[in-house]
C-alpha atoms as a PDB file:
ATOM      1  CA  MET A   1       8.334 -14.474   0.241  1.00  0.00           C
ATOM      2  CA  GLY A   2      11.409 -12.358  -1.486  1.00  0.00           C
ATOM      3  CA  SER A   3      13.627 -13.139  -3.988  1.00  0.00           C
ATOM      4  CA  PRO A   4      17.395 -14.804  -1.883  1.00  0.00           C
ATOM      5  CA  ILE A   5      19.522 -10.512  -1.172  1.00  0.00           C
ATOM      6  CA  LYS A   6      23.174 -11.794  -2.451  1.00  0.00           C
ATOM      7  CA  GLU A   7      24.643  -8.046  -2.604  1.00  0.00           C
ATOM      8  CA  LYS A   8      26.596  -7.114   0.017  1.00  0.00           C
ATOM      9  CA  GLN A   9      24.892  -3.608   0.543  1.00  0.00           C
ATOM     10  CA  SER A  10      21.624  -5.069  -0.007  1.00  0.00           C
ATOM     11  CA  GLN A  11      22.616  -7.097   2.715  1.00  0.00           C
ATOM     12  CA  VAL A  12      24.214  -4.833   5.322  1.00  0.00           C
ATOM     13  CA  VAL A  13      20.809  -2.775   4.091  1.00  0.00           C
ATOM     14  CA  PHE A  14      18.631  -5.525   5.242  1.00  0.00           C
ATOM     15  CA  LEU A  15      19.861  -5.508   8.592  1.00  0.00           C
ATOM     16  CA  LYS A  16      19.903  -2.213   9.494  1.00  0.00           C
ATOM     17  CA  GLN A  17      16.505  -2.496   8.815  1.00  0.00           C
ATOM     18  CA  ARG A  18      16.006  -5.132  10.574  1.00  0.00           C
ATOM     19  CA  LEU A  19      18.621  -3.538  14.068  1.00  0.00           C
ATOM     20  CA  ASN A  20      16.372  -0.423  13.929  1.00  0.00           C
ATOM     21  CA  MET A  21      12.844  -1.858  13.875  1.00  0.00           C
ATOM     22  CA  PHE A  22      14.585  -4.093  17.082  1.00  0.00           C
ATOM     23  CA  LEU A  23      16.011  -1.601  18.690  1.00  0.00           C
ATOM     24  CA  ASP A  24      11.982   0.463  18.048  1.00  0.00           C
ATOM     25  CA  VAL A  25      10.978  -2.558  19.624  1.00  0.00           C
ATOM     26  CA  LEU A  26      13.177  -1.952  22.801  1.00  0.00           C
ATOM     27  CA  ASP A  27      12.524   1.542  23.547  1.00  0.00           C
ATOM     28  CA  ALA A  28       8.712   1.073  23.112  1.00  0.00           C
ATOM     29  CA  ILE A  29       8.486  -1.258  25.781  1.00  0.00           C
ATOM     30  CA  GLU A  30       7.556  -0.223  29.658  1.00  0.00           C
ATOM     31  CA  PRO A  31       9.950  -2.080  31.820  1.00  0.00           C
ATOM     32  CA  GLU A  32       6.383  -2.243  34.135  1.00  0.00           C
ATOM     33  CA  ASN A  33       4.617  -3.536  32.257  1.00  0.00           C
ATOM     34  CA  THR A  34       6.890  -6.289  29.784  1.00  0.00           C
ATOM     35  CA  GLU A  35       5.977  -9.882  29.845  1.00  0.00           C
ATOM     36  CA  LEU A  36       7.757 -12.417  29.492  1.00  0.00           C
ATOM     37  CA  GLU A  37       6.364 -12.968  26.388  1.00  0.00           C
ATOM     38  CA  ASP A  38       7.686 -10.133  25.819  1.00  0.00           C
ATOM     39  CA  ILE A  39      11.291 -10.450  25.774  1.00  0.00           C
ATOM     40  CA  ASP A  40      10.631 -14.029  24.459  1.00  0.00           C
ATOM     41  CA  ARG A  41       9.498 -12.013  21.356  1.00  0.00           C
ATOM     42  CA  LEU A  42      12.891 -10.250  21.581  1.00  0.00           C
ATOM     43  CA  ILE A  43      15.165 -13.120  22.254  1.00  0.00           C
ATOM     44  CA  GLU A  44      13.393 -13.970  18.772  1.00  0.00           C
ATOM     45  CA  MET A  45      13.515 -10.850  16.388  1.00  0.00           C
ATOM     46  CA  ILE A  46      18.088 -11.433  17.861  1.00  0.00           C
ATOM     47  CA  ASP A  47      18.245 -15.337  16.574  1.00  0.00           C
ATOM     48  CA  GLU A  48      16.555 -13.555  13.609  1.00  0.00           C
ATOM     49  CA  LEU A  49      19.185 -11.520  13.188  1.00  0.00           C
ATOM     50  CA  GLU A  50      21.967 -14.003  13.733  1.00  0.00           C
ATOM     51  CA  SER A  51      20.556 -16.458  11.281  1.00  0.00           C
ATOM     52  CA  LYS A  52      20.010 -13.872   8.423  1.00  0.00           C
ATOM     53  CA  CYS A  53      24.276 -12.756   9.307  1.00  0.00           C
ATOM     54  CA  ARG A  54      25.431 -16.350   9.220  1.00  0.00           C
ATOM     55  CA  GLU A  55      23.006 -17.207   6.178  1.00  0.00           C
ATOM     56  CA  PHE A  56      24.390 -13.649   3.848  1.00  0.00           C
ATOM     57  CA  GLN A  57      28.300 -14.440   5.736  1.00  0.00           C
ATOM     58  CA  HIS A  58      27.779 -18.319   3.681  1.00  0.00           C
ATOM     59  CA  ARG A  59      26.242 -16.129  -0.028  1.00  0.00           C
ATOM     60  CA  GLU A  60      28.649 -16.004  -3.343  1.00  0.00           C
ATOM     61  CA  ASP A  61      28.781 -12.103  -3.403  1.00  0.00           C
END
């Protein structure tokens, strides 16, 4: 695991990259072939993004 991201600009870049990864996964899903596990993984990705946002909010500059 890498070192904590403390600089606000780096945190924003990190979150943008994660959000783009989520959007890529979402775009790749075919509704006809989507299974419950796929939806669970999407929810997990959103939860991880939310957790990271809270973590960054509480870090000092």
